[in-house]
PDB file of N, CA and C in Angstrom:
ATOM      1  N   MET A   1     -16.322   3.117  65.135  1.00  0.00           N
ATOM      2  CA  MET A   1     -15.263   3.128  66.125  1.00  0.00           C
ATOM      3  C   MET A   1     -13.966   3.479  65.458  1.00  0.00           C
ATOM      4  N   THR A   2     -13.287   4.434  66.040  1.00  0.00           N
ATOM      5  CA  THR A   2     -12.014   4.904  65.473  1.00  0.00           C
ATOM      6  C   THR A   2     -10.854   4.278  66.268  1.00  0.00           C
ATOM      7  N   THR A   3      -9.831   3.960  65.525  1.00  0.00           N
ATOM      8  CA  THR A   3      -8.645   3.431  66.148  1.00  0.00           C
ATOM      9  C   THR A   3      -7.623   4.565  66.322  1.00  0.00           C
ATOM     10  N   PRO A   4      -6.680   4.359  67.211  1.00  0.00           N
ATOM     11  CA  PRO A   4      -5.663   5.398  67.386  1.00  0.00           C
ATOM     12  C   PRO A   4      -4.870   5.653  66.092  1.00  0.00           C
ATOM     13  N   TYR A   5      -4.763   4.620  65.289  1.00  0.00           N
ATOM     14  CA  TYR A   5      -4.009   4.800  64.046  1.00  0.00           C
ATOM     15  C   TYR A   5      -4.735   5.701  63.043  1.00  0.00           C
ATOM     16  N   ALA A   6      -6.078   5.558  63.024  1.00  0.00           N
ATOM     17  CA  ALA A   6      -6.850   6.372  62.123  1.00  0.00           C
ATOM     18  C   ALA A   6      -6.775   7.859  62.491  1.00  0.00           C
ATOM     19  N   SER A   7      -6.845   8.175  63.772  1.00  0.00           N
ATOM     20  CA  SER A   7      -6.781   9.572  64.189  1.00  0.00           C
ATOM     21  C   SER A   7      -5.396  10.122  63.943  1.00  0.00           C
ATOM     22  N   HIS A   8      -4.362   9.277  64.121  1.00  0.00           N
ATOM     23  CA  HIS A   8      -2.987   9.711  63.866  1.00  0.00           C
ATOM     24  C   HIS A   8      -2.802  10.017  62.374  1.00  0.00           C
ATOM     25  N   ALA A   9      -3.362   9.175  61.527  1.00  0.00           N
ATOM     26  CA  ALA A   9      -3.226   9.417  60.076  1.00  0.00           C
ATOM     27  C   ALA A   9      -3.957  10.673  59.650  1.00  0.00           C
ATOM     28  N   ALA A  10      -5.127  10.918  60.267  1.00  0.00           N
ATOM     29  CA  ALA A  10      -5.863  12.126  59.932  1.00  0.00           C
ATOM     30  C   ALA A  10      -5.070  13.365  60.398  1.00  0.00           C
ATOM     31  N   HIS A  11      -4.432  13.292  61.551  1.00  0.00           N
ATOM     32  CA  HIS A  11      -3.635  14.413  62.041  1.00  0.00           C
ATOM     33  C   HIS A  11      -2.417  14.657  61.145  1.00  0.00           C
ATOM     34  N   GLU A  12      -1.758  13.598  60.679  1.00  0.00           N
ATOM     35  CA  GLU A  12      -0.618  13.745  59.769  1.00  0.00           C
ATOM     36  C   GLU A  12      -1.028  14.413  58.486  1.00  0.00           C
ATOM     37  N   THR A  13      -2.206  14.004  57.923  1.00  0.00           N
ATOM     38  CA  THR A  13      -2.652  14.596  56.659  1.00  0.00           C
ATOM     39  C   THR A  13      -2.920  16.068  56.837  1.00  0.00           C
ATOM     40  N   THR A  14      -3.541  16.462  57.944  1.00  0.00           N
ATOM     41  CA  THR A  14      -3.850  17.865  58.171  1.00  0.00           C
ATOM     42  C   THR A  14      -2.544  18.671  58.349  1.00  0.00           C
ATOM     43  N   ALA A  15      -1.588  18.149  59.121  1.00  0.00           N
ATOM     44  CA  ALA A  15      -0.332  18.838  59.330  1.00  0.00           C
ATOM     45  C   ALA A  15       0.454  18.917  58.031  1.00  0.00           C
ATOM     46  N   HIS A  16       0.385  17.874  57.219  1.00  0.00           N
ATOM     47  CA  HIS A  16       1.124  17.835  55.945  1.00  0.00           C
ATOM     48  C   HIS A  16       0.544  18.874  54.995  1.00  0.00           C
ATOM     49  N   ASP A  17      -0.795  18.958  54.940  1.00  0.00           N
ATOM     50  CA  ASP A  17      -1.415  19.933  54.009  1.00  0.00           C
ATOM     51  C   ASP A  17      -1.160  21.355  54.441  1.00  0.00           C
ATOM     52  N   SER A  18      -1.200  21.620  55.748  1.00  0.00           N
ATOM     53  CA  SER A  18      -0.991  22.971  56.183  1.00  0.00           C
ATOM     54  C   SER A  18       0.489  23.398  56.008  1.00  0.00           C
ATOM     55  N   ALA A  19       1.401  22.432  56.067  1.00  0.00           N
ATOM     56  CA  ALA A  19       2.818  22.754  55.890  1.00  0.00           C
ATOM     57  C   ALA A  19       3.146  23.078  54.468  1.00  0.00           C
ATOM     58  N   HIS A  20       2.366  22.508  53.541  1.00  0.00           N
ATOM     59  CA  HIS A  20       2.656  22.726  52.110  1.00  0.00           C
ATOM     60  C   HIS A  20       1.758  23.712  51.440  1.00  0.00           C
ATOM     61  N   GLY A  21       0.909  24.384  52.164  1.00  0.00           N
ATOM     62  CA  GLY A  21       0.104  25.418  51.598  1.00  0.00           C
ATOM     63  C   GLY A  21      -1.162  24.910  50.933  1.00  0.00           C
ATOM     64  N   SER A  22      -1.986  25.841  50.557  1.00  0.00           N
ATOM     65  CA  SER A  22      -3.236  25.539  49.861  1.00  0.00           C
ATOM     66  C   SER A  22      -3.312  26.348  48.602  1.00  0.00           C
ATOM     67  N   PRO A  23      -4.271  26.041  47.754  1.00  0.00           N
ATOM     68  CA  PRO A  23      -4.400  26.874  46.536  1.00  0.00           C
ATOM     69  C   PRO A  23      -4.642  28.342  46.876  1.00  0.00           C
ATOM     70  N   ARG A  24      -5.360  28.606  47.969  1.00  0.00           N
ATOM     71  CA  ARG A  24      -5.586  29.989  48.347  1.00  0.00           C
ATOM     72  C   ARG A  24      -4.283  30.692  48.754  1.00  0.00           C
ATOM     73  N   SER A  25      -3.435  29.992  49.517  1.00  0.00           N
ATOM     74  CA  SER A  25      -2.167  30.636  49.908  1.00  0.00           C
ATOM     75  C   SER A  25      -1.235  30.846  48.699  1.00  0.00           C
ATOM     76  N   TYR A  26      -1.286  29.902  47.770  1.00  0.00           N
ATOM     77  CA  TYR A  26      -0.494  30.109  46.541  1.00  0.00           C
ATOM     78  C   TYR A  26      -1.008  31.309  45.734  1.00  0.00           C
ATOM     79  N   ALA A  27      -2.328  31.450  45.689  1.00  0.00           N
ATOM     80  CA  ALA A  27      -2.898  32.611  44.987  1.00  0.00           C
ATOM     81  C   ALA A  27      -2.545  33.902  45.668  1.00  0.00           C
ATOM     82  N   VAL A  28      -2.593  33.936  46.988  1.00  0.00           N
ATOM     83  CA  VAL A  28      -2.204  35.152  47.714  1.00  0.00           C
ATOM     84  C   VAL A  28      -0.737  35.473  47.479  1.00  0.00           C
ATOM     85  N   GLY A  29       0.121  34.469  47.544  1.00  0.00           N
ATOM     86  CA  GLY A  29       1.546  34.679  47.274  1.00  0.00           C
ATOM     87  C   GLY A  29       1.806  35.179  45.890  1.00  0.00           C
ATOM     88  N   PHE A  30       1.093  34.630  44.893  1.00  0.00           N
ATOM     89  CA  PHE A  30       1.226  35.023  43.518  1.00  0.00           C
ATOM     90  C   PHE A  30       0.782  36.469  43.349  1.00  0.00           C
ATOM     91  N   ALA A  31      -0.357  36.818  43.979  1.00  0.00           N
ATOM     92  CA  ALA A  31      -0.840  38.197  43.864  1.00  0.00           C
ATOM     93  C   ALA A  31       0.105  39.188  44.512  1.00  0.00           C
ATOM     94  N   LEU A  32       0.637  38.846  45.664  1.00  0.00           N
ATOM     95  CA  LEU A  32       1.606  39.726  46.336  1.00  0.00           C
ATOM     96  C   LEU A  32       2.890  39.891  45.494  1.00  0.00           C
ATOM     97  N   SER A  33       3.320  38.785  44.895  1.00  0.00           N
ATOM     98  CA  SER A  33       4.506  38.875  44.026  1.00  0.00           C
ATOM     99  C   SER A  33       4.251  39.774  42.822  1.00  0.00           C
ATOM    100  N   LEU A  34       3.102  39.649  42.219  1.00  0.00           N
ATOM    101  CA  LEU A  34       2.778  40.508  41.089  1.00  0.00           C
ATOM    102  C   LEU A  34       2.703  41.975  41.505  1.00  0.00           C
ATOM    103  N   ILE A  35       2.078  42.259  42.645  1.00  0.00           N
ATOM    104  CA  ILE A  35       1.968  43.630  43.132  1.00  0.00           C
ATOM    105  C   ILE A  35       3.371  44.205  43.379  1.00  0.00           C
ATOM    106  N   LEU A  36       4.231  43.480  44.011  1.00  0.00           N
ATOM    107  CA  LEU A  36       5.588  43.962  44.303  1.00  0.00           C
ATOM    108  C   LEU A  36       6.396  44.140  43.031  1.00  0.00           C
ATOM    109  N   THR A  37       6.209  43.233  42.041  1.00  0.00           N
ATOM    110  CA  THR A  37       6.901  43.378  40.747  1.00  0.00           C
ATOM    111  C   THR A  37       6.416  44.641  40.057  1.00  0.00           C
ATOM    112  N   PHE A  38       5.125  44.835  39.999  1.00  0.00           N
ATOM    113  CA  PHE A  38       4.620  46.043  39.320  1.00  0.00           C
ATOM    114  C   PHE A  38       4.970  47.323  40.054  1.00  0.00           C
ATOM    115  N   ALA A  39       5.059  47.218  41.376  1.00  0.00           N
ATOM    116  CA  ALA A  39       5.478  48.428  42.174  1.00  0.00           C
ATOM    117  C   ALA A  39       6.893  48.799  41.865  1.00  0.00           C
ATOM    118  N   SER A  40       7.779  47.837  41.813  1.00  0.00           N
ATOM    119  CA  SER A  40       9.190  48.169  41.512  1.00  0.00           C
ATOM    120  C   SER A  40       9.322  48.645  40.045  1.00  0.00           C
ATOM    121  N   PHE A  41       8.637  48.010  39.145  1.00  0.00           N
ATOM    122  CA  PHE A  41       8.684  48.397  37.730  1.00  0.00           C
ATOM    123  C   PHE A  41       8.122  49.835  37.572  1.00  0.00           C
ATOM    124  N   GLY A  42       6.994  50.085  38.263  1.00  0.00           N
ATOM    125  CA  GLY A  42       6.372  51.420  38.180  1.00  0.00           C
ATOM    126  C   GLY A  42       7.271  52.473  38.804  1.00  0.00           C
ATOM    127  N   ALA A  43       7.934  52.118  39.915  1.00  0.00           N
ATOM    128  CA  ALA A  43       8.831  53.103  40.549  1.00  0.00           C
ATOM    129  C   ALA A  43       9.997  53.507  39.660  1.00  0.00           C
ATOM    130  N   VAL A  44      10.494  52.580  38.891  1.00  0.00           N
ATOM    131  CA  VAL A  44      11.580  52.887  38.004  1.00  0.00           C
ATOM    132  C   VAL A  44      11.123  53.607  36.743  1.00  0.00           C
ATOM    133  N   MET A  45      10.048  53.096  36.126  1.00  0.00           N
ATOM    134  CA  MET A  45       9.598  53.655  34.863  1.00  0.00           C
ATOM    135  C   MET A  45       8.893  54.972  34.965  1.00  0.00           C
ATOM    136  N   SER A  46       8.259  55.275  36.106  1.00  0.00           N
ATOM    137  CA  SER A  46       7.567  56.523  36.252  1.00  0.00           C
ATOM    138  C   SER A  46       8.496  57.720  36.518  1.00  0.00           C
ATOM    139  N   GLY A  47       9.643  57.418  37.058  1.00  0.00           N
ATOM    140  CA  GLY A  47      10.597  58.457  37.366  1.00  0.00           C
ATOM    141  C   GLY A  47      10.171  59.321  38.534  1.00  0.00           C
ATOM    142  N   ALA A  48       9.226  58.817  39.342  1.00  0.00           N
ATOM    143  CA  ALA A  48       8.717  59.566  40.440  1.00  0.00           C
ATOM    144  C   ALA A  48       9.686  59.595  41.646  1.00  0.00           C
ATOM    145  N   LEU A  49      10.616  58.661  41.684  1.00  0.00           N
ATOM    146  CA  LEU A  49      11.562  58.609  42.803  1.00  0.00           C
ATOM    147  C   LEU A  49      12.760  59.523  42.553  1.00  0.00           C
ATOM    148  N   PRO A  50      13.200  60.261  43.578  1.00  0.00           N
ATOM    149  CA  PRO A  50      14.426  61.039  43.399  1.00  0.00           C
ATOM    150  C   PRO A  50      15.613  60.089  43.147  1.00  0.00           C
ATOM    151  N   PRO A  51      16.663  60.590  42.516  1.00  0.00           N
ATOM    152  CA  PRO A  51      17.809  59.709  42.188  1.00  0.00           C
ATOM    153  C   PRO A  51      18.444  59.043  43.412  1.00  0.00           C
ATOM    154  N   GLY A  52      18.531  59.696  44.512  1.00  0.00           N
ATOM    155  CA  GLY A  52      19.162  59.085  45.692  1.00  0.00           C
ATOM    156  C   GLY A  52      18.263  58.094  46.399  1.00  0.00           C
ATOM    157  N   LEU A  53      16.980  58.080  46.117  1.00  0.00           N
ATOM    158  CA  LEU A  53      16.028  57.232  46.781  1.00  0.00           C
ATOM    159  C   LEU A  53      15.636  56.010  45.989  1.00  0.00           C
ATOM    160  N   GLY A  54      15.978  56.015  44.708  1.00  0.00           N
ATOM    161  CA  GLY A  54      15.580  54.907  43.822  1.00  0.00           C
ATOM    162  C   GLY A  54      16.146  53.546  44.207  1.00  0.00           C
ATOM    163  N   MET A  55      17.422  53.487  44.480  1.00  0.00           N
ATOM    164  CA  MET A  55      18.057  52.210  44.812  1.00  0.00           C
ATOM    165  C   MET A  55      17.526  51.653  46.157  1.00  0.00           C
ATOM    166  N   PRO A  56      17.424  52.420  47.215  1.00  0.00           N
ATOM    167  CA  PRO A  56      16.900  51.866  48.462  1.00  0.00           C
ATOM    168  C   PRO A  56      15.447  51.369  48.320  1.00  0.00           C
ATOM    169  N   VAL A  57      14.652  52.077  47.560  1.00  0.00           N
ATOM    170  CA  VAL A  57      13.239  51.602  47.374  1.00  0.00           C
ATOM    171  C   VAL A  57      13.234  50.310  46.593  1.00  0.00           C
ATOM    172  N   ILE A  58      13.996  50.176  45.546  1.00  0.00           N
ATOM    173  CA  ILE A  58      14.034  48.970  44.732  1.00  0.00           C
ATOM    174  C   ILE A  58      14.562  47.799  45.580  1.00  0.00           C
ATOM    175  N   VAL A  59      15.617  48.004  46.361  1.00  0.00           N
ATOM    176  CA  VAL A  59      16.157  46.984  47.225  1.00  0.00           C
ATOM    177  C   VAL A  59      15.120  46.570  48.273  1.00  0.00           C
ATOM    178  N   GLY A  60      14.391  47.531  48.848  1.00  0.00           N
ATOM    179  CA  GLY A  60      13.348  47.214  49.805  1.00  0.00           C
ATOM    180  C   GLY A  60      12.235  46.358  49.187  1.00  0.00           C
ATOM    181  N   LEU A  61      11.784  46.731  47.993  1.00  0.00           N
ATOM    182  CA  LEU A  61      10.805  45.948  47.296  1.00  0.00           C
ATOM    183  C   LEU A  61      11.315  44.551  46.944  1.00  0.00           C
ATOM    184  N   CYS A  62      12.574  44.472  46.612  1.00  0.00           N
ATOM    185  CA  CYS A  62      13.227  43.176  46.290  1.00  0.00           C
ATOM    186  C   CYS A  62      13.223  42.268  47.518  1.00  0.00           C
ATOM    187  N   VAL A  63      13.592  42.815  48.657  1.00  0.00           N
ATOM    188  CA  VAL A  63      13.631  42.014  49.879  1.00  0.00           C
ATOM    189  C   VAL A  63      12.193  41.594  50.266  1.00  0.00           C
ATOM    190  N   ALA A  64      11.242  42.479  50.098  1.00  0.00           N
ATOM    191  CA  ALA A  64       9.854  42.128  50.411  1.00  0.00           C
ATOM    192  C   ALA A  64       9.379  40.989  49.524  1.00  0.00           C
ATOM    193  N   GLN A  65       9.748  41.044  48.228  1.00  0.00           N
ATOM    194  CA  GLN A  65       9.319  39.966  47.336  1.00  0.00           C
ATOM    195  C   GLN A  65      10.027  38.686  47.682  1.00  0.00           C
ATOM    196  N   LEU A  66      11.305  38.753  48.058  1.00  0.00           N
ATOM    197  CA  LEU A  66      12.051  37.573  48.499  1.00  0.00           C
ATOM    198  C   LEU A  66      11.335  36.913  49.676  1.00  0.00           C
ATOM    199  N   LEU A  67      10.952  37.716  50.647  1.00  0.00           N
ATOM    200  CA  LEU A  67      10.275  37.166  51.844  1.00  0.00           C
ATOM    201  C   LEU A  67       8.924  36.562  51.494  1.00  0.00           C
ATOM    202  N   VAL A  68       8.180  37.221  50.577  1.00  0.00           N
ATOM    203  CA  VAL A  68       6.893  36.651  50.163  1.00  0.00           C
ATOM    204  C   VAL A  68       7.091  35.319  49.485  1.00  0.00           C
ATOM    205  N   GLN A  69       8.074  35.191  48.609  1.00  0.00           N
ATOM    206  CA  GLN A  69       8.289  33.943  47.891  1.00  0.00           C
ATOM    207  C   GLN A  69       8.833  32.851  48.811  1.00  0.00           C
ATOM    208  N   LEU A  70       9.687  33.233  49.741  1.00  0.00           N
ATOM    209  CA  LEU A  70      10.192  32.257  50.722  1.00  0.00           C
ATOM    210  C   LEU A  70       9.070  31.697  51.592  1.00  0.00           C
ATOM    211  N   SER A  71       8.136  32.541  52.001  1.00  0.00           N
ATOM    212  CA  SER A  71       7.126  32.061  52.899  1.00  0.00           C
ATOM    213  C   SER A  71       5.926  31.393  52.171  1.00  0.00           C
ATOM    214  N   PHE A  72       5.526  31.914  51.027  1.00  0.00           N
ATOM    215  CA  PHE A  72       4.343  31.371  50.348  1.00  0.00           C
ATOM    216  C   PHE A  72       4.667  30.189  49.424  1.00  0.00           C
ATOM    217  N   PHE A  73       5.860  30.228  48.796  1.00  0.00           N
ATOM    218  CA  PHE A  73       6.164  29.197  47.792  1.00  0.00           C
ATOM    219  C   PHE A  73       7.147  28.122  48.323  1.00  0.00           C
ATOM    220  N   LEU A  74       8.140  28.527  49.087  1.00  0.00           N
ATOM    221  CA  LEU A  74       9.104  27.599  49.627  1.00  0.00           C
ATOM    222  C   LEU A  74       8.737  27.144  51.049  1.00  0.00           C
ATOM    223  N   HIS A  75       7.668  27.716  51.610  1.00  0.00           N
ATOM    224  CA  HIS A  75       7.115  27.319  52.895  1.00  0.00           C
ATOM    225  C   HIS A  75       8.149  27.427  53.987  1.00  0.00           C
ATOM    226  N   LEU A  76       8.874  28.501  54.023  1.00  0.00           N
ATOM    227  CA  LEU A  76       9.829  28.702  55.106  1.00  0.00           C
ATOM    228  C   LEU A  76       9.156  29.545  56.156  1.00  0.00           C
ATOM    229  N   GLY A  77       9.275  29.104  57.393  1.00  0.00           N
ATOM    230  CA  GLY A  77       8.675  29.813  58.509  1.00  0.00           C
ATOM    231  C   GLY A  77       9.013  29.103  59.791  1.00  0.00           C
ATOM    232  N   ILE A  78       8.309  29.475  60.872  1.00  0.00           N
ATOM    233  CA  ILE A  78       8.558  28.926  62.152  1.00  0.00           C
ATOM    234  C   ILE A  78       7.499  27.923  62.576  1.00  0.00           C
ATOM    235  N   GLY A  79       6.563  27.599  61.704  1.00  0.00           N
ATOM    236  CA  GLY A  79       5.530  26.613  62.008  1.00  0.00           C
ATOM    237  C   GLY A  79       6.142  25.208  62.134  1.00  0.00           C
ATOM    238  N   LYS A  80       5.380  24.317  62.762  1.00  0.00           N
ATOM    239  CA  LYS A  80       5.892  22.985  63.043  1.00  0.00           C
ATOM    240  C   LYS A  80       6.316  22.270  61.774  1.00  0.00           C
ATOM    241  N   GLY A  81       5.546  22.344  60.698  1.00  0.00           N
ATOM    242  CA  GLY A  81       5.862  21.662  59.475  1.00  0.00           C
ATOM    243  C   GLY A  81       6.904  22.371  58.613  1.00  0.00           C
ATOM    244  N   GLN A  82       7.224  23.602  58.979  1.00  0.00           N
ATOM    245  CA  GLN A  82       8.136  24.405  58.145  1.00  0.00           C
ATOM    246  C   GLN A  82       9.564  24.515  58.731  1.00  0.00           C
ATOM    247  N   ARG A  83       9.778  24.004  59.907  1.00  0.00           N
ATOM    248  CA  ARG A  83      11.093  24.175  60.555  1.00  0.00           C
ATOM    249  C   ARG A  83      12.176  23.436  59.814  1.00  0.00           C
ATOM    250  N   GLY A  84      11.870  22.272  59.259  1.00  0.00           N
ATOM    251  CA  GLY A  84      12.886  21.529  58.507  1.00  0.00           C
ATOM    252  C   GLY A  84      13.330  22.290  57.266  1.00  0.00           C
ATOM    253  N   ASN A  85      12.331  22.831  56.520  1.00  0.00           N
ATOM    254  CA  ASN A  85      12.660  23.580  55.346  1.00  0.00           C
ATOM    255  C   ASN A  85      13.507  24.829  55.698  1.00  0.00           C
ATOM    256  N   SER A  86      13.139  25.478  56.780  1.00  0.00           N
ATOM    257  CA  SER A  86      13.860  26.698  57.209  1.00  0.00           C
ATOM    258  C   SER A  86      15.277  26.374  57.621  1.00  0.00           C
ATOM    259  N   ALA A  87      15.468  25.261  58.324  1.00  0.00           N
ATOM    260  CA  ALA A  87      16.828  24.865  58.734  1.00  0.00           C
ATOM    261  C   ALA A  87      17.710  24.537  57.531  1.00  0.00           C
ATOM    262  N   ILE A  88      17.177  23.799  56.591  1.00  0.00           N
ATOM    263  CA  ILE A  88      17.931  23.449  55.399  1.00  0.00           C
ATOM    264  C   ILE A  88      18.275  24.719  54.603  1.00  0.00           C
ATOM    265  N   PHE A  89      17.333  25.622  54.472  1.00  0.00           N
ATOM    266  CA  PHE A  89      17.556  26.877  53.728  1.00  0.00           C
ATOM    267  C   PHE A  89      18.614  27.705  54.436  1.00  0.00           C
ATOM    268  N   SER A  90      18.587  27.769  55.766  1.00  0.00           N
ATOM    269  CA  SER A  90      19.541  28.553  56.552  1.00  0.00           C
ATOM    270  C   SER A  90      20.928  27.996  56.370  1.00  0.00           C
ATOM    271  N   CYS A  91      21.087  26.683  56.421  1.00  0.00           N
ATOM    272  CA  CYS A  91      22.395  26.040  56.220  1.00  0.00           C
ATOM    273  C   CYS A  91      22.908  26.281  54.811  1.00  0.00           C
ATOM    274  N   THR A  92      22.042  26.150  53.816  1.00  0.00           N
ATOM    275  CA  THR A  92      22.465  26.377  52.435  1.00  0.00           C
ATOM    276  C   THR A  92      22.871  27.831  52.251  1.00  0.00           C
ATOM    277  N   PHE A  93      22.100  28.779  52.789  1.00  0.00           N
ATOM    278  CA  PHE A  93      22.422  30.171  52.699  1.00  0.00           C
ATOM    279  C   PHE A  93      23.770  30.465  53.360  1.00  0.00           C
ATOM    280  N   GLY A  94      23.986  29.889  54.539  1.00  0.00           N
ATOM    281  CA  GLY A  94      25.276  30.080  55.219  1.00  0.00           C
ATOM    282  C   GLY A  94      26.431  29.557  54.436  1.00  0.00           C
ATOM    283  N   LEU A  95      26.284  28.382  53.798  1.00  0.00           N
ATOM    284  CA  LEU A  95      27.358  27.824  52.994  1.00  0.00           C
ATOM    285  C   LEU A  95      27.660  28.732  51.777  1.00  0.00           C
ATOM    286  N   ILE A  96      26.614  29.213  51.161  1.00  0.00           N
ATOM    287  CA  ILE A  96      26.810  30.133  50.009  1.00  0.00           C
ATOM    288  C   ILE A  96      27.518  31.377  50.422  1.00  0.00           C
ATOM    289  N   VAL A  97      27.155  31.947  51.564  1.00  0.00           N
ATOM    290  CA  VAL A  97      27.836  33.160  52.057  1.00  0.00           C
ATOM    291  C   VAL A  97      29.312  32.859  52.321  1.00  0.00           C
ATOM    292  N   ILE A  98      29.618  31.730  52.926  1.00  0.00           N
ATOM    293  CA  ILE A  98      30.993  31.352  53.217  1.00  0.00           C
ATOM    294  C   ILE A  98      31.779  31.178  51.916  1.00  0.00           C
ATOM    295  N   VAL A  99      31.223  30.550  50.935  1.00  0.00           N
ATOM    296  CA  VAL A  99      31.945  30.326  49.654  1.00  0.00           C
ATOM    297  C   VAL A  99      32.149  31.637  48.922  1.00  0.00           C
ATOM    298  N   VAL A 100      31.129  32.497  48.847  1.00  0.00           N
ATOM    299  CA  VAL A 100      31.265  33.751  48.137  1.00  0.00           C
ATOM    300  C   VAL A 100      32.242  34.666  48.876  1.00  0.00           C
ATOM    301  N   ALA A 101      32.094  34.790  50.191  1.00  0.00           N
ATOM    302  CA  ALA A 101      32.978  35.651  50.977  1.00  0.00           C
ATOM    303  C   ALA A 101      34.417  35.160  50.891  1.00  0.00           C
ATOM    304  N   GLY A 102      34.651  33.869  50.985  1.00  0.00           N
ATOM    305  CA  GLY A 102      35.951  33.305  50.852  1.00  0.00           C
ATOM    306  C   GLY A 102      36.563  33.542  49.509  1.00  0.00           C
ATOM    307  N   SER A 103      35.763  33.409  48.470  1.00  0.00           N
ATOM    308  CA  SER A 103      36.270  33.637  47.111  1.00  0.00           C
ATOM    309  C   SER A 103      36.631  35.095  46.924  1.00  0.00           C
ATOM    310  N   LEU A 104      35.817  36.000  47.408  1.00  0.00           N
ATOM    311  CA  LEU A 104      36.152  37.418  47.298  1.00  0.00           C
ATOM    312  C   LEU A 104      37.408  37.754  48.101  1.00  0.00           C
ATOM    313  N   TRP A 105      37.558  37.151  49.278  1.00  0.00           N
ATOM    314  CA  TRP A 105      38.740  37.390  50.072  1.00  0.00           C
ATOM    315  C   TRP A 105      40.004  36.899  49.391  1.00  0.00           C
ATOM    316  N   VAL A 106      39.955  35.711  48.806  1.00  0.00           N
ATOM    317  CA  VAL A 106      41.107  35.167  48.095  1.00  0.00           C
ATOM    318  C   VAL A 106      41.428  36.031  46.888  1.00  0.00           C
ATOM    319  N   MET A 107      40.431  36.437  46.106  1.00  0.00           N
ATOM    320  CA  MET A 107      40.666  37.243  44.926  1.00  0.00           C
ATOM    321  C   MET A 107      41.225  38.625  45.323  1.00  0.00           C
ATOM    322  N   HIS A 108      40.760  39.185  46.411  1.00  0.00           N
ATOM    323  CA  HIS A 108      41.288  40.501  46.862  1.00  0.00           C
ATOM    324  C   HIS A 108      42.739  40.351  47.292  1.00  0.00           C
ATOM    325  N   ASN A 109      43.059  39.313  48.035  1.00  0.00           N
ATOM    326  CA  ASN A 109      44.442  39.115  48.480  1.00  0.00           C
ATOM    327  C   ASN A 109      45.351  38.816  47.275  1.00  0.00           C
ATOM    328  N   ALA A 110      44.873  38.070  46.300  1.00  0.00           N
ATOM    329  CA  ALA A 110      45.691  37.804  45.129  1.00  0.00           C
ATOM    330  C   ALA A 110      45.913  39.102  44.351  1.00  0.00           C
ATOM    331  N   ASP A 111      44.854  39.933  44.248  1.00  0.00           N
ATOM    332  CA  ASP A 111      45.020  41.196  43.537  1.00  0.00           C
ATOM    333  C   ASP A 111      45.987  42.115  44.250  1.00  0.00           C
ATOM    334  N   THR A 112      45.897  42.178  45.588  1.00  0.00           N
ATOM    335  CA  THR A 112      46.748  43.051  46.355  1.00  0.00           C
ATOM    336  C   THR A 112      48.201  42.609  46.369  1.00  0.00           C
ATOM    337  N   ASN A 113      48.430  41.285  46.509  1.00  0.00           N
ATOM    338  CA  ASN A 113      49.777  40.796  46.700  1.00  0.00           C
ATOM    339  C   ASN A 113      50.486  40.302  45.452  1.00  0.00           C
ATOM    340  N   MET A 114      49.816  40.130  44.357  1.00  0.00           N
ATOM    341  CA  MET A 114      50.430  39.608  43.178  1.00  0.00           C
ATOM    342  C   MET A 114      50.440  40.551  41.964  1.00  0.00           C
ATOM    343  N   MET A 115      50.029  41.785  42.185  1.00  0.00           N
ATOM    344  CA  MET A 115      50.025  42.689  41.077  1.00  0.00           C
ATOM    345  C   MET A 115      51.453  43.082  40.716  1.00  0.00           C
ATOM    346  N   PRO A 116      51.757  43.193  39.427  1.00  0.00           N
ATOM    347  CA  PRO A 116      53.092  43.637  39.078  1.00  0.00           C
ATOM    348  C   PRO A 116      53.298  45.059  39.515  1.00  0.00           C
ATOM    349  N   THR A 117      54.511  45.312  39.926  1.00  0.00           N
ATOM    350  CA  THR A 117      54.844  46.658  40.385  1.00  0.00           C
ATOM    351  C   THR A 117      55.089  47.582  39.219  1.00  0.00           C
ATOM    352  N   GLN A 118      55.156  48.820  39.490  1.00  0.00           N
ATOM    353  CA  GLN A 118      55.454  49.806  38.451  1.00  0.00           C
ATOM    354  C   GLN A 118      56.974  49.957  38.340  1.00  0.00           C
ATOM    355  N   MET A 119      57.632  48.868  37.992  1.00  0.00           N
ATOM    356  CA  MET A 119      59.069  48.805  37.943  1.00  0.00           C
ATOM    357  C   MET A 119      59.516  48.804  36.497  1.00  0.00           C
ATOM    358  N   THR A 120      60.549  49.517  36.212  1.00  0.00           N
ATOM    359  CA  THR A 120      61.118  49.508  34.879  1.00  0.00           C
ATOM    360  C   THR A 120      61.966  48.229  34.702  1.00  0.00           C
ATOM    361  N   VAL A 121      62.240  47.916  33.451  1.00  0.00           N
ATOM    362  CA  VAL A 121      63.090  46.743  33.166  1.00  0.00           C
ATOM    363  C   VAL A 121      64.471  46.917  33.733  1.00  0.00           C
ATOM    364  N   GLU A 122      65.045  48.115  33.637  1.00  0.00           N
ATOM    365  CA  GLU A 122      66.383  48.359  34.162  1.00  0.00           C
ATOM    366  C   GLU A 122      66.440  48.179  35.667  1.00  0.00           C
ATOM    367  N   ARG A 123      65.439  48.681  36.363  1.00  0.00           N
ATOM    368  CA  ARG A 123      65.439  48.547  37.839  1.00  0.00           C
ATOM    369  C   ARG A 123      65.248  47.082  38.231  1.00  0.00           C
ATOM    370  N   ALA A 124      64.415  46.299  37.482  1.00  0.00           N
ATOM    371  CA  ALA A 124      64.267  44.897  37.782  1.00  0.00           C
ATOM    372  C   ALA A 124      65.526  44.148  37.586  1.00  0.00           C
ATOM    373  N   ARG A 125      66.304  44.468  36.509  1.00  0.00           N
ATOM    374  CA  ARG A 125      67.595  43.798  36.273  1.00  0.00           C
ATOM    375  C   ARG A 125      68.627  44.195  37.329  1.00  0.00           C
ATOM    376  N   ALA A 126      68.507  45.419  37.840  1.00  0.00           N
ATOM    377  CA  ALA A 126      69.473  45.828  38.855  1.00  0.00           C
ATOM    378  C   ALA A 126      69.280  45.076  40.162  1.00  0.00           C
ATOM    379  N   LYS A 127      68.066  44.619  40.425  1.00  0.00           N
ATOM    380  CA  LYS A 127      67.793  43.824  41.640  1.00  0.00           C
ATOM    381  C   LYS A 127      68.343  42.432  41.563  1.00  0.00           C
ATOM    382  N   ASP A 128      68.558  41.921  40.369  1.00  0.00           N
ATOM    383  CA  ASP A 128      69.107  40.548  40.224  1.00  0.00           C
ATOM    384  C   ASP A 128      70.475  40.505  40.565  1.00  0.00           C
TER     385      ASP A 128
END
């Protein structure tokens, strides 16, 4: 005879395991990461890419590898057990973007507004 608690515990274990991946999903993620790494390395070292196409291909492979690692290793996705991880990652990413963009904005304004002018010493003294 099963109790409601036993079936609930079995459901939690199944949901918990699927949210955190399996050895097979880790192996697939690892294999895809290796393939993407070797593809980008091969694209650069073989010289097969035209000079104007090299950077977009490398950036595309980089983004593909980022998505593979986020989904297979960090378990980010839209599944029921992955929503919390995805929300935390999104907030962290947003905060990093705000900090970096704000820092670049402040440094640009400081560079623009505080640079010494091309003024001679005589002209600076004449303004006093």
